[in-house]
């Protein structure tokens, strides 16, 4: 594997690592949100003025915040996975590719053929 291919593979791997990390964070936040929400499974409403009101409101805020961060991390994971796919399927000819000259010549020949048929 030449230097160009190593750099390309490193970029793909880096994007995949970011995607996996974000996915793990998304799952962890979701699970944390569900753990906190178990306290509300019985359907007990917040008792306004009761000593438990402040904690119940804090817990609801934590549930909401964790769920929101879970969704954000999920979107981030999708973003990085799409970037990895794009990097993997990239057919652009890079100047640091040792086969760049041959690829450019092949492309030029193909374009000349296409133009001559029109």
PDB file of N, CA and C in Angstrom:
ATOM      1  N   UNK A   1       0.854  -1.172   0.000  1.00  0.00           N
ATOM      2  CA  UNK A   1       0.000   0.000   0.000  1.00  0.00           C
ATOM      3  C   UNK A   1       0.907   1.245   0.000  1.00  0.00           C
ATOM      4  N   UNK A   2       0.663   2.138  -0.942  1.00  0.00           N
ATOM      5  CA  UNK A   2       1.486   3.344  -1.016  1.00  0.00           C
ATOM      6  C   UNK A   2       0.982   4.404  -0.031  1.00  0.00           C
ATOM      7  N   UNK A   3       1.728   5.492   0.057  1.00  0.00           N
ATOM      8  CA  UNK A   3       1.417   6.552   1.034  1.00  0.00           C
ATOM      9  C   UNK A   3       0.026   7.139   0.813  1.00  0.00           C
ATOM     10  N   UNK A   4      -0.337   7.339  -0.444  1.00  0.00           N
ATOM     11  CA  UNK A   4      -1.658   7.891  -0.757  1.00  0.00           C
ATOM     12  C   UNK A   4      -2.771   6.987  -0.246  1.00  0.00           C
ATOM     13  N   UNK A   5      -2.663   5.692  -0.489  1.00  0.00           N
ATOM     14  CA  UNK A   5      -3.683   4.744  -0.031  1.00  0.00           C
ATOM     15  C   UNK A   5      -3.709   4.650   1.486  1.00  0.00           C
ATOM     16  N   UNK A   6      -2.533   4.749   2.119  1.00  0.00           N
ATOM     17  CA  UNK A   6      -2.471   4.739   3.582  1.00  0.00           C
ATOM     18  C   UNK A   6      -3.203   5.942   4.160  1.00  0.00           C
ATOM     19  N   UNK A   7      -2.981   7.124   3.567  1.00  0.00           N
ATOM     20  CA  UNK A   7      -3.665   8.338   4.039  1.00  0.00           C
ATOM     21  C   UNK A   7      -5.170   8.229   3.851  1.00  0.00           C
ATOM     22  N   UNK A   8      -5.568   7.704   2.714  1.00  0.00           N
ATOM     23  CA  UNK A   8      -7.002   7.550   2.438  1.00  0.00           C
ATOM     24  C   UNK A   8      -7.637   6.583   3.428  1.00  0.00           C
ATOM     25  N   UNK A   9      -6.971   5.452   3.687  1.00  0.00           N
ATOM     26  CA  UNK A   9      -7.500   4.467   4.625  1.00  0.00           C
ATOM     27  C   UNK A   9      -7.514   5.025   6.051  1.00  0.00           C
ATOM     28  N   UNK A  10      -6.496   5.797   6.407  1.00  0.00           N
ATOM     29  CA  UNK A  10      -6.458   6.410   7.742  1.00  0.00           C
ATOM     30  C   UNK A  10      -7.628   7.373   7.920  1.00  0.00           C
ATOM     31  N   UNK A  11      -7.950   8.134   6.875  1.00  0.00           N
ATOM     32  CA  UNK A  11      -9.072   9.072   6.941  1.00  0.00           C
ATOM     33  C   UNK A  11     -10.383   8.309   7.100  1.00  0.00           C
ATOM     34  N   UNK A  12     -10.544   7.231   6.353  1.00  0.00           N
ATOM     35  CA  UNK A  12     -11.757   6.413   6.453  1.00  0.00           C
ATOM     36  C   UNK A  12     -11.880   5.833   7.863  1.00  0.00           C
ATOM     37  N   UNK A  13     -10.774   5.297   8.372  1.00  0.00           N
ATOM     38  CA  UNK A  13     -10.789   4.720   9.723  1.00  0.00           C
ATOM     39  C   UNK A  13     -11.110   5.769  10.782  1.00  0.00           C
ATOM     40  N   UNK A  14     -10.547   6.968  10.621  1.00  0.00           N
ATOM     41  CA  UNK A  14     -10.811   8.051  11.574  1.00  0.00           C
ATOM     42  C   UNK A  14     -12.298   8.419  11.591  1.00  0.00           C
ATOM     43  N   UNK A  15     -12.898   8.529  10.418  1.00  0.00           N
ATOM     44  CA  UNK A  15     -14.326   8.831  10.352  1.00  0.00           C
ATOM     45  C   UNK A  15     -15.156   7.722  10.997  1.00  0.00           C
ATOM     46  N   UNK A  16     -14.776   6.483  10.745  1.00  0.00           N
ATOM     47  CA  UNK A  16     -15.512   5.354  11.337  1.00  0.00           C
ATOM     48  C   UNK A  16     -15.379   5.346  12.856  1.00  0.00           C
ATOM     49  N   UNK A  17     -14.184   5.683  13.371  1.00  0.00           N
ATOM     50  CA  UNK A  17     -13.992   5.753  14.815  1.00  0.00           C
ATOM     51  C   UNK A  17     -14.866   6.843  15.427  1.00  0.00           C
ATOM     52  N   UNK A  18     -14.923   7.999  14.756  1.00  0.00           N
ATOM     53  CA  UNK A  18     -15.792   9.084  15.238  1.00  0.00           C
ATOM     54  C   UNK A  18     -17.249   8.622  15.252  1.00  0.00           C
ATOM     55  N   UNK A  19     -17.655   7.915  14.209  1.00  0.00           N
ATOM     56  CA  UNK A  19     -19.038   7.425  14.120  1.00  0.00           C
ATOM     57  C   UNK A  19     -19.333   6.427  15.237  1.00  0.00           C
ATOM     58  N   UNK A  20     -18.413   5.512  15.488  1.00  0.00           N
ATOM     59  CA  UNK A  20     -18.618   4.522  16.554  1.00  0.00           C
ATOM     60  C   UNK A  20     -18.677   5.187  17.927  1.00  0.00           C
ATOM     61  N   UNK A  21     -17.807   6.154  18.150  1.00  0.00           N
ATOM     62  CA  UNK A  21     -17.807   6.868  19.428  1.00  0.00           C
ATOM     63  C   UNK A  21     -19.129   7.594  19.633  1.00  0.00           C
ATOM     64  N   UNK A  22     -19.593   8.277  18.610  1.00  0.00           N
ATOM     65  CA  UNK A  22     -20.860   9.007  18.709  1.00  0.00           C
ATOM     66  C   UNK A  22     -22.024   8.038  18.924  1.00  0.00           C
ATOM     67  N   UNK A  23     -21.979   6.878  18.287  1.00  0.00           N
ATOM     68  CA  UNK A  23     -23.043   5.889  18.456  1.00  0.00           C
ATOM     69  C   UNK A  23     -23.058   5.354  19.887  1.00  0.00           C
ATOM     70  N   UNK A  24     -21.874   5.096  20.434  1.00  0.00           N
ATOM     71  CA  UNK A  24     -21.796   4.635  21.832  1.00  0.00           C
ATOM     72  C   UNK A  24     -22.334   5.698  22.782  1.00  0.00           C
ATOM     73  N   UNK A  25     -21.994   6.957  22.516  1.00  0.00           N
ATOM     74  CA  UNK A  25     -22.497   8.044  23.355  1.00  0.00           C
ATOM     75  C   UNK A  25     -24.014   8.140  23.253  1.00  0.00           C
ATOM     76  N   UNK A  26     -24.541   7.993  22.053  1.00  0.00           N
ATOM     77  CA  UNK A  26     -25.985   8.054  21.849  1.00  0.00           C
ATOM     78  C   UNK A  26     -26.696   6.978  22.654  1.00  0.00           C
ATOM     79  N   UNK A  27     -26.189   5.759  22.598  1.00  0.00           N
ATOM     80  CA  UNK A  27     -26.802   4.645  23.325  1.00  0.00           C
ATOM     81  C   UNK A  27     -26.703   4.878  24.830  1.00  0.00           C
ATOM     82  N   UNK A  28     -25.546   5.342  25.303  1.00  0.00           N
ATOM     83  CA  UNK A  28     -25.358   5.578  26.740  1.00  0.00           C
ATOM     84  C   UNK A  28     -26.305   6.661  27.245  1.00  0.00           C
ATOM     85  N   UNK A  29     -26.452   7.736  26.480  1.00  0.00           N
ATOM     86  CA  UNK A  29     -27.363   8.818  26.886  1.00  0.00           C
ATOM     87  C   UNK A  29     -28.808   8.326  26.907  1.00  0.00           C
ATOM     88  N   UNK A  30     -29.167   7.529  25.921  1.00  0.00           N
ATOM     89  CA  UNK A  30     -30.524   6.987  25.853  1.00  0.00           C
ATOM     90  C   UNK A  30     -30.799   6.102  27.069  1.00  0.00           C
ATOM     91  N   UNK A  31     -29.850   5.242  27.391  1.00  0.00           N
ATOM     92  CA  UNK A  31     -30.028   4.349  28.539  1.00  0.00           C
ATOM     93  C   UNK A  31     -30.103   5.138  29.842  1.00  0.00           C
ATOM     94  N   UNK A  32     -29.264   6.172  29.958  1.00  0.00           N
ATOM     95  CA  UNK A  32     -29.299   7.003  31.172  1.00  0.00           C
ATOM     96  C   UNK A  32     -30.654   7.700  31.299  1.00  0.00           C
ATOM     97  N   UNK A  33     -31.177   8.188  30.211  1.00  0.00           N
ATOM     98  CA  UNK A  33     -32.488   8.837  30.213  1.00  0.00           C
ATOM     99  C   UNK A  33     -33.562   7.863  30.668  1.00  0.00           C
ATOM    100  N   UNK A  34     -33.499   6.637  30.161  1.00  0.00           N
ATOM    101  CA  UNK A  34     -34.490   5.628  30.550  1.00  0.00           C
ATOM    102  C   UNK A  34     -34.365   5.225  32.013  1.00  0.00           C
ATOM    103  N   UNK A  35     -33.134   5.178  32.537  1.00  0.00           N
ATOM    104  CA  UNK A  35     -32.931   4.850  33.947  1.00  0.00           C
ATOM    105  C   UNK A  35     -33.599   5.883  34.848  1.00  0.00           C
ATOM    106  N   UNK A  36     -33.412   7.144  34.516  1.00  0.00           N
ATOM    107  CA  UNK A  36     -34.013   8.210  35.310  1.00  0.00           C
ATOM    108  C   UNK A  36     -35.531   8.169  35.176  1.00  0.00           C
ATOM    109  N   UNK A  37     -36.018   7.869  33.973  1.00  0.00           N
ATOM    110  CA  UNK A  37     -37.457   7.860  33.718  1.00  0.00           C
ATOM    111  C   UNK A  37     -38.177   6.735  34.455  1.00  0.00           C
ATOM    112  N   UNK A  38     -37.457   5.698  34.864  1.00  0.00           N
ATOM    113  CA  UNK A  38     -38.100   4.599  35.587  1.00  0.00           C
ATOM    114  C   UNK A  38     -38.754   5.074  36.880  1.00  0.00           C
ATOM    115  N   UNK A  39     -38.267   6.149  37.453  1.00  0.00           N
ATOM    116  CA  UNK A  39     -38.861   6.690  38.677  1.00  0.00           C
ATOM    117  C   UNK A  39     -40.269   7.218  38.418  1.00  0.00           C
ATOM    118  N   UNK A  40     -40.584   7.515  37.176  1.00  0.00           N
ATOM    119  CA  UNK A  40     -41.889   8.085  36.831  1.00  0.00           C
ATOM    120  C   UNK A  40     -42.836   7.054  36.219  1.00  0.00           C
ATOM    121  N   UNK A  41     -42.437   5.781  36.195  1.00  0.00           N
ATOM    122  CA  UNK A  41     -43.248   4.745  35.550  1.00  0.00           C
ATOM    123  C   UNK A  41     -44.618   4.569  36.180  1.00  0.00           C
ATOM    124  N   UNK A  42     -44.740   4.807  37.458  1.00  0.00           N
ATOM    125  CA  UNK A  42     -46.014   4.610  38.131  1.00  0.00           C
ATOM    126  C   UNK A  42     -47.062   5.644  37.755  1.00  0.00           C
ATOM    127  N   UNK A  43     -46.631   6.698  37.118  1.00  0.00           N
ATOM    128  CA  UNK A  43     -47.569   7.727  36.690  1.00  0.00           C
ATOM    129  C   UNK A  43     -47.829   8.784  37.744  1.00  0.00           C
ATOM    130  N   UNK A  44     -47.024   8.796  38.797  1.00  0.00           N
ATOM    131  CA  UNK A  44     -47.192   9.794  39.852  1.00  0.00           C
ATOM    132  C   UNK A  44     -46.868  11.173  39.289  1.00  0.00           C
ATOM    133  N   UNK A  45     -47.808  12.098  39.355  1.00  0.00           N
ATOM    134  CA  UNK A  45     -47.534  13.451  38.862  1.00  0.00           C
ATOM    135  C   UNK A  45     -46.606  14.199  39.831  1.00  0.00           C
ATOM    136  N   UNK A  46     -46.065  15.297  39.357  1.00  0.00           N
ATOM    137  CA  UNK A  46     -45.251  16.138  40.231  1.00  0.00           C
ATOM    138  C   UNK A  46     -46.189  16.812  41.228  1.00  0.00           C
ATOM    139  N   UNK A  47     -45.865  16.672  42.485  1.00  0.00           N
ATOM    140  CA  UNK A  47     -46.689  17.252  43.551  1.00  0.00           C
ATOM    141  C   UNK A  47     -46.185  18.662  43.835  1.00  0.00           C
ATOM    142  N   UNK A  48     -46.906  19.645  43.325  1.00  0.00           N
ATOM    143  CA  UNK A  48     -46.504  21.036  43.477  1.00  0.00           C
ATOM    144  C   UNK A  48     -46.527  21.400  44.957  1.00  0.00           C
ATOM    145  N   UNK A  49     -45.428  21.997  45.417  1.00  0.00           N
ATOM    146  CA  UNK A  49     -45.318  22.407  46.815  1.00  0.00           C
ATOM    147  C   UNK A  49     -44.773  21.311  47.714  1.00  0.00           C
ATOM    148  N   UNK A  50     -44.718  20.101  47.245  1.00  0.00           N
ATOM    149  CA  UNK A  50     -44.206  18.980  48.037  1.00  0.00           C
ATOM    150  C   UNK A  50     -42.675  19.021  48.022  1.00  0.00           C
ATOM    151  N   UNK A  51     -42.055  18.441  49.040  1.00  0.00           N
ATOM    152  CA  UNK A  51     -40.593  18.455  49.101  1.00  0.00           C
ATOM    153  C   UNK A  51     -39.947  17.695  47.938  1.00  0.00           C
ATOM    154  N   UNK A  52     -40.688  16.842  47.281  1.00  0.00           N
ATOM    155  CA  UNK A  52     -40.143  16.063  46.161  1.00  0.00           C
ATOM    156  C   UNK A  52     -40.237  16.801  44.825  1.00  0.00           C
ATOM    157  N   UNK A  53     -40.875  17.958  44.802  1.00  0.00           N
ATOM    158  CA  UNK A  53     -41.080  18.679  43.536  1.00  0.00           C
ATOM    159  C   UNK A  53     -39.759  19.059  42.861  1.00  0.00           C
ATOM    160  N   UNK A  54     -38.824  19.612  43.606  1.00  0.00           N
ATOM    161  CA  UNK A  54     -37.558  20.078  43.010  1.00  0.00           C
ATOM    162  C   UNK A  54     -36.802  18.914  42.377  1.00  0.00           C
ATOM    163  N   UNK A  55     -36.747  17.798  43.080  1.00  0.00           N
ATOM    164  CA  UNK A  55     -36.029  16.634  42.534  1.00  0.00           C
ATOM    165  C   UNK A  55     -36.733  16.095  41.292  1.00  0.00           C
ATOM    166  N   UNK A  56     -38.052  16.044  41.320  1.00  0.00           N
ATOM    167  CA  UNK A  56     -38.809  15.542  40.173  1.00  0.00           C
ATOM    168  C   UNK A  56     -38.578  16.426  38.949  1.00  0.00           C
ATOM    169  N   UNK A  57     -38.550  17.722  39.152  1.00  0.00           N
ATOM    170  CA  UNK A  57     -38.319  18.638  38.022  1.00  0.00           C
ATOM    171  C   UNK A  57     -36.882  18.509  37.503  1.00  0.00           C
ATOM    172  N   UNK A  58     -35.925  18.354  38.426  1.00  0.00           N
ATOM    173  CA  UNK A  58     -34.533  18.137  38.002  1.00  0.00           C
ATOM    174  C   UNK A  58     -34.413  16.846  37.209  1.00  0.00           C
ATOM    175  N   UNK A  59     -35.081  15.796  37.678  1.00  0.00           N
ATOM    176  CA  UNK A  59     -35.036  14.518  36.968  1.00  0.00           C
ATOM    177  C   UNK A  59     -35.646  14.632  35.578  1.00  0.00           C
ATOM    178  N   UNK A  60     -36.752  15.345  35.465  1.00  0.00           N
ATOM    179  CA  UNK A  60     -37.370  15.526  34.147  1.00  0.00           C
ATOM    180  C   UNK A  60     -36.442  16.289  33.205  1.00  0.00           C
ATOM    181  N   UNK A  61     -35.748  17.295  33.750  1.00  0.00           N
ATOM    182  CA  UNK A  61     -34.801  18.044  32.930  1.00  0.00           C
ATOM    183  C   UNK A  61     -33.655  17.134  32.492  1.00  0.00           C
ATOM    184  N   UNK A  62     -33.168  16.277  33.395  1.00  0.00           N
ATOM    185  CA  UNK A  62     -32.097  15.342  33.050  1.00  0.00           C
ATOM    186  C   UNK A  62     -32.559  14.366  31.975  1.00  0.00           C
ATOM    187  N   UNK A  63     -33.785  13.890  32.083  1.00  0.00           N
ATOM    188  CA  UNK A  63     -34.339  12.978  31.073  1.00  0.00           C
ATOM    189  C   UNK A  63     -34.341  13.672  29.717  1.00  0.00           C
ATOM    190  N   UNK A  64     -34.868  14.883  29.699  1.00  0.00           N
ATOM    191  CA  UNK A  64     -34.962  15.634  28.451  1.00  0.00           C
ATOM    192  C   UNK A  64     -33.572  15.902  27.870  1.00  0.00           C
ATOM    193  N   UNK A  65     -32.644  16.380  28.711  1.00  0.00           N
ATOM    194  CA  UNK A  65     -31.294  16.707  28.242  1.00  0.00           C
ATOM    195  C   UNK A  65     -30.570  15.479  27.704  1.00  0.00           C
ATOM    196  N   UNK A  66     -30.681  14.347  28.419  1.00  0.00           N
ATOM    197  CA  UNK A  66     -30.020  13.131  27.955  1.00  0.00           C
ATOM    198  C   UNK A  66     -30.621  12.629  26.651  1.00  0.00           C
ATOM    199  N   UNK A  67     -31.926  12.712  26.523  1.00  0.00           N
ATOM    200  CA  UNK A  67     -32.564  12.265  25.282  1.00  0.00           C
ATOM    201  C   UNK A  67     -32.151  13.171  24.119  1.00  0.00           C
ATOM    202  N   UNK A  68     -32.094  14.472  24.372  1.00  0.00           N
ATOM    203  CA  UNK A  68     -31.684  15.421  23.342  1.00  0.00           C
ATOM    204  C   UNK A  68     -30.235  15.153  22.905  1.00  0.00           C
ATOM    205  N   UNK A  69     -29.351  14.927  23.862  1.00  0.00           N
ATOM    206  CA  UNK A  69     -27.951  14.633  23.534  1.00  0.00           C
ATOM    207  C   UNK A  69     -27.827  13.288  22.828  1.00  0.00           C
ATOM    208  N   UNK A  70     -28.693  12.346  23.153  1.00  0.00           N
ATOM    209  CA  UNK A  70     -28.692  11.050  22.484  1.00  0.00           C
ATOM    210  C   UNK A  70     -29.024  11.223  21.005  1.00  0.00           C
ATOM    211  N   UNK A  71     -30.020  12.024  20.720  1.00  0.00           N
ATOM    212  CA  UNK A  71     -30.412  12.267  19.326  1.00  0.00           C
ATOM    213  C   UNK A  71     -29.293  12.996  18.578  1.00  0.00           C
ATOM    214  N   UNK A  72     -28.697  13.997  19.233  1.00  0.00           N
ATOM    215  CA  UNK A  72     -27.596  14.732  18.601  1.00  0.00           C
ATOM    216  C   UNK A  72     -26.428  13.805  18.289  1.00  0.00           C
ATOM    217  N   UNK A  73     -26.083  12.936  19.232  1.00  0.00           N
ATOM    218  CA  UNK A  73     -24.977  12.004  19.017  1.00  0.00           C
ATOM    219  C   UNK A  73     -25.320  11.013  17.907  1.00  0.00           C
ATOM    220  N   UNK A  74     -26.579  10.607  17.817  1.00  0.00           N
ATOM    221  CA  UNK A  74     -26.999   9.720  16.738  1.00  0.00           C
ATOM    222  C   UNK A  74     -26.851  10.380  15.382  1.00  0.00           C
ATOM    223  N   UNK A  75     -27.210  11.647  15.307  1.00  0.00           N
ATOM    224  CA  UNK A  75     -27.044  12.387  14.052  1.00  0.00           C
ATOM    225  C   UNK A  75     -25.573  12.549  13.705  1.00  0.00           C
ATOM    226  N   UNK A  76     -24.762  12.776  14.732  1.00  0.00           N
ATOM    227  CA  UNK A  76     -23.319  12.909  14.527  1.00  0.00           C
ATOM    228  C   UNK A  76     -22.741  11.597  14.001  1.00  0.00           C
ATOM    229  N   UNK A  77     -23.211  10.479  14.552  1.00  0.00           N
ATOM    230  CA  UNK A  77     -22.750   9.164  14.093  1.00  0.00           C
ATOM    231  C   UNK A  77     -23.115   8.955  12.623  1.00  0.00           C
ATOM    232  N   UNK A  78     -24.325   9.324  12.248  1.00  0.00           N
ATOM    233  CA  UNK A  78     -24.748   9.203  10.852  1.00  0.00           C
ATOM    234  C   UNK A  78     -23.886  10.079   9.939  1.00  0.00           C
ATOM    235  N   UNK A  79     -23.579  11.286  10.404  1.00  0.00           N
ATOM    236  CA  UNK A  79     -22.762  12.220   9.635  1.00  0.00           C
ATOM    237  C   UNK A  79     -21.385  11.627   9.347  1.00  0.00           C
ATOM    238  N   UNK A  80     -20.729  11.116  10.391  1.00  0.00           N
ATOM    239  CA  UNK A  80     -19.390  10.565  10.207  1.00  0.00           C
ATOM    240  C   UNK A  80     -19.399   9.271   9.411  1.00  0.00           C
ATOM    241  N   UNK A  81     -20.440   8.488   9.538  1.00  0.00           N
ATOM    242  CA  UNK A  81     -20.535   7.271   8.733  1.00  0.00           C
ATOM    243  C   UNK A  81     -20.699   7.636   7.253  1.00  0.00           C
ATOM    244  N   UNK A  82     -21.480   8.677   6.980  1.00  0.00           N
ATOM    245  CA  UNK A  82     -21.643   9.139   5.600  1.00  0.00           C
ATOM    246  C   UNK A  82     -20.325   9.675   5.048  1.00  0.00           C
ATOM    247  N   UNK A  83     -19.564  10.374   5.888  1.00  0.00           N
ATOM    248  CA  UNK A  83     -18.255  10.874   5.449  1.00  0.00           C
ATOM    249  C   UNK A  83     -17.308   9.716   5.149  1.00  0.00           C
ATOM    250  N   UNK A  84     -17.357   8.676   5.962  1.00  0.00           N
ATOM    251  CA  UNK A  84     -16.508   7.504   5.721  1.00  0.00           C
ATOM    252  C   UNK A  84     -16.885   6.839   4.405  1.00  0.00           C
ATOM    253  N   UNK A  85     -18.188   6.705   4.162  1.00  0.00           N
ATOM    254  CA  UNK A  85     -18.650   6.111   2.899  1.00  0.00           C
ATOM    255  C   UNK A  85     -18.199   6.959   1.710  1.00  0.00           C
ATOM    256  N   UNK A  86     -18.329   8.280   1.841  1.00  0.00           N
ATOM    257  CA  UNK A  86     -17.930   9.172   0.758  1.00  0.00           C
ATOM    258  C   UNK A  86     -16.433   9.075   0.501  1.00  0.00           C
ATOM    259  N   UNK A  87     -15.643   9.015   1.557  1.00  0.00           N
ATOM    260  CA  UNK A  87     -14.192   8.900   1.394  1.00  0.00           C
ATOM    261  C   UNK A  87     -13.826   7.575   0.745  1.00  0.00           C
ATOM    262  N   UNK A  88     -14.559   6.533   1.103  1.00  0.00           N
ATOM    263  CA  UNK A  88     -14.291   5.213   0.545  1.00  0.00           C
ATOM    264  C   UNK A  88     -14.643   5.144  -0.943  1.00  0.00           C
ATOM    265  N   UNK A  89     -15.725   5.811  -1.325  1.00  0.00           N
ATOM    266  CA  UNK A  89     -16.204   5.752  -2.707  1.00  0.00           C
ATOM    267  C   UNK A  89     -15.670   6.892  -3.575  1.00  0.00           C
ATOM    268  N   UNK A  90     -14.786   7.719  -3.025  1.00  0.00           N
ATOM    269  CA  UNK A  90     -14.266   8.871  -3.744  1.00  0.00           C
ATOM    270  C   UNK A  90     -13.436   8.422  -4.940  1.00  0.00           C
ATOM    271  N   UNK A  91     -13.790   8.911  -6.110  1.00  0.00           N
ATOM    272  CA  UNK A  91     -13.075   8.551  -7.336  1.00  0.00           C
ATOM    273  C   UNK A  91     -12.257   9.728  -7.873  1.00  0.00           C
ATOM    274  N   UNK A  92     -12.113  10.778  -7.072  1.00  0.00           N
ATOM    275  CA  UNK A  92     -11.343  11.941  -7.511  1.00  0.00           C
ATOM    276  C   UNK A  92      -9.879  11.550  -7.665  1.00  0.00           C
ATOM    277  N   UNK A  93      -9.212  12.223  -8.577  1.00  0.00           N
ATOM    278  CA  UNK A  93      -7.802  11.954  -8.811  1.00  0.00           C
ATOM    279  C   UNK A  93      -7.000  12.971  -8.015  1.00  0.00           C
ATOM    280  N   UNK A  94      -6.229  12.476  -7.073  1.00  0.00           N
ATOM    281  CA  UNK A  94      -5.455  13.328  -6.185  1.00  0.00           C
ATOM    282  C   UNK A  94      -4.031  13.481  -6.713  1.00  0.00           C
ATOM    283  N   UNK A  95      -3.442  14.647  -6.503  1.00  0.00           N
ATOM    284  CA  UNK A  95      -2.092  14.895  -7.011  1.00  0.00           C
ATOM    285  C   UNK A  95      -1.042  14.057  -6.300  1.00  0.00           C
ATOM    286  N   UNK A  96      -1.306  13.613  -5.084  1.00  0.00           N
ATOM    287  CA  UNK A  96      -0.316  12.796  -4.386  1.00  0.00           C
ATOM    288  C   UNK A  96      -0.500  11.297  -4.642  1.00  0.00           C
ATOM    289  N   UNK A  97      -1.439  10.955  -5.499  1.00  0.00           N
ATOM    290  CA  UNK A  97      -1.630   9.559  -5.905  1.00  0.00           C
ATOM    291  C   UNK A  97      -0.524   9.207  -6.902  1.00  0.00           C
ATOM    292  N   UNK A  98       0.260   8.150  -6.632  1.00  0.00           N
ATOM    293  CA  UNK A  98       1.341   7.802  -7.563  1.00  0.00           C
ATOM    294  C   UNK A  98       0.822   7.391  -8.943  1.00  0.00           C
ATOM    295  N   UNK A  99      -0.413   7.024  -9.057  1.00  0.00           N
ATOM    296  CA  UNK A  99      -0.995   6.645 -10.335  1.00  0.00           C
ATOM    297  C   UNK A  99      -1.804   7.779 -10.960  1.00  0.00           C
ATOM    298  N   UNK A 100      -1.611   9.001 -10.476  1.00  0.00           N
ATOM    299  CA  UNK A 100      -2.408  10.144 -10.925  1.00  0.00           C
ATOM    300  C   UNK A 100      -2.247  10.403 -12.422  1.00  0.00           C
ATOM    301  N   UNK A 101      -1.038  10.339 -12.908  1.00  0.00           N
ATOM    302  CA  UNK A 101      -0.804  10.633 -14.331  1.00  0.00           C
ATOM    303  C   UNK A 101      -1.532   9.622 -15.212  1.00  0.00           C
ATOM    304  N   UNK A 102      -1.431   8.352 -14.867  1.00  0.00           N
ATOM    305  CA  UNK A 102      -2.115   7.323 -15.659  1.00  0.00           C
ATOM    306  C   UNK A 102      -3.632   7.494 -15.572  1.00  0.00           C
ATOM    307  N   UNK A 103      -4.133   7.796 -14.401  1.00  0.00           N
ATOM    308  CA  UNK A 103      -5.577   7.994 -14.241  1.00  0.00           C
ATOM    309  C   UNK A 103      -6.055   9.195 -15.042  1.00  0.00           C
ATOM    310  N   UNK A 104      -5.263  10.283 -15.038  1.00  0.00           N
ATOM    311  CA  UNK A 104      -5.632  11.467 -15.814  1.00  0.00           C
ATOM    312  C   UNK A 104      -5.611  11.171 -17.314  1.00  0.00           C
ATOM    313  N   UNK A 105      -4.636  10.406 -17.760  1.00  0.00           N
ATOM    314  CA  UNK A 105      -4.575  10.053 -19.185  1.00  0.00           C
ATOM    315  C   UNK A 105      -5.765   9.177 -19.573  1.00  0.00           C
ATOM    316  N   UNK A 106      -6.114   8.221 -18.712  1.00  0.00           N
ATOM    317  CA  UNK A 106      -7.283   7.371 -18.980  1.00  0.00           C
ATOM    318  C   UNK A 106      -8.560   8.207 -19.037  1.00  0.00           C
ATOM    319  N   UNK A 107      -8.664   9.153 -18.132  1.00  0.00           N
ATOM    320  CA  UNK A 107      -9.850  10.016 -18.105  1.00  0.00           C
ATOM    321  C   UNK A 107      -9.911  10.869 -19.367  1.00  0.00           C
ATOM    322  N   UNK A 108      -8.771  11.401 -19.771  1.00  0.00           N
ATOM    323  CA  UNK A 108      -8.725  12.233 -20.977  1.00  0.00           C
ATOM    324  C   UNK A 108      -9.138  11.417 -22.201  1.00  0.00           C
ATOM    325  N   UNK A 109      -8.621  10.199 -22.315  1.00  0.00           N
ATOM    326  CA  UNK A 109      -8.994   9.337 -23.447  1.00  0.00           C
ATOM    327  C   UNK A 109     -10.497   9.053 -23.447  1.00  0.00           C
ATOM    328  N   UNK A 110     -11.035   8.760 -22.278  1.00  0.00           N
ATOM    329  CA  UNK A 110     -12.466   8.477 -22.174  1.00  0.00           C
ATOM    330  C   UNK A 110     -13.297   9.708 -22.569  1.00  0.00           C
ATOM    331  N   UNK A 111     -12.875  10.889 -22.130  1.00  0.00           N
ATOM    332  CA  UNK A 111     -13.611  12.115 -22.473  1.00  0.00           C
ATOM    333  C   UNK A 111     -13.517  12.410 -23.964  1.00  0.00           C
ATOM    334  N   UNK A 112     -12.358  12.164 -24.554  1.00  0.00           N
ATOM    335  CA  UNK A 112     -12.202  12.386 -25.997  1.00  0.00           C
ATOM    336  C   UNK A 112     -13.123  11.450 -26.765  1.00  0.00           C
ATOM    337  N   UNK A 113     -13.189  10.186 -26.342  1.00  0.00           N
ATOM    338  CA  UNK A 113     -14.098   9.219 -26.995  1.00  0.00           C
ATOM    339  C   UNK A 113     -15.546   9.646 -26.866  1.00  0.00           C
ATOM    340  N   UNK A 114     -15.919  10.082 -25.670  1.00  0.00           N
ATOM    341  CA  UNK A 114     -17.306  10.518 -25.469  1.00  0.00           C
ATOM    342  C   UNK A 114     -17.632  11.709 -26.352  1.00  0.00           C
ATOM    343  N   UNK A 115     -16.694  12.631 -26.480  1.00  0.00           N
ATOM    344  CA  UNK A 115     -16.934  13.831 -27.279  1.00  0.00           C
ATOM    345  C   UNK A 115     -17.017  13.487 -28.766  1.00  0.00           C
ATOM    346  N   UNK A 116     -16.243  12.537 -29.203  1.00  0.00           N
ATOM    347  CA  UNK A 116     -16.248  12.194 -30.622  1.00  0.00           C
ATOM    348  C   UNK A 116     -17.549  11.511 -31.040  1.00  0.00           C
ATOM    349  N   UNK A 117     -18.266  10.864 -30.114  1.00  0.00           N
ATOM    350  CA  UNK A 117     -19.528  10.211 -30.429  1.00  0.00           C
ATOM    351  C   UNK A 117     -20.683  11.197 -30.540  1.00  0.00           C
ATOM    352  N   UNK A 118     -20.513  12.370 -30.036  1.00  0.00           N
ATOM    353  CA  UNK A 118     -21.619  13.351 -30.052  1.00  0.00           C
ATOM    354  C   UNK A 118     -21.664  14.151 -31.295  1.00  0.00           C
TER     355      UNK A 118
END
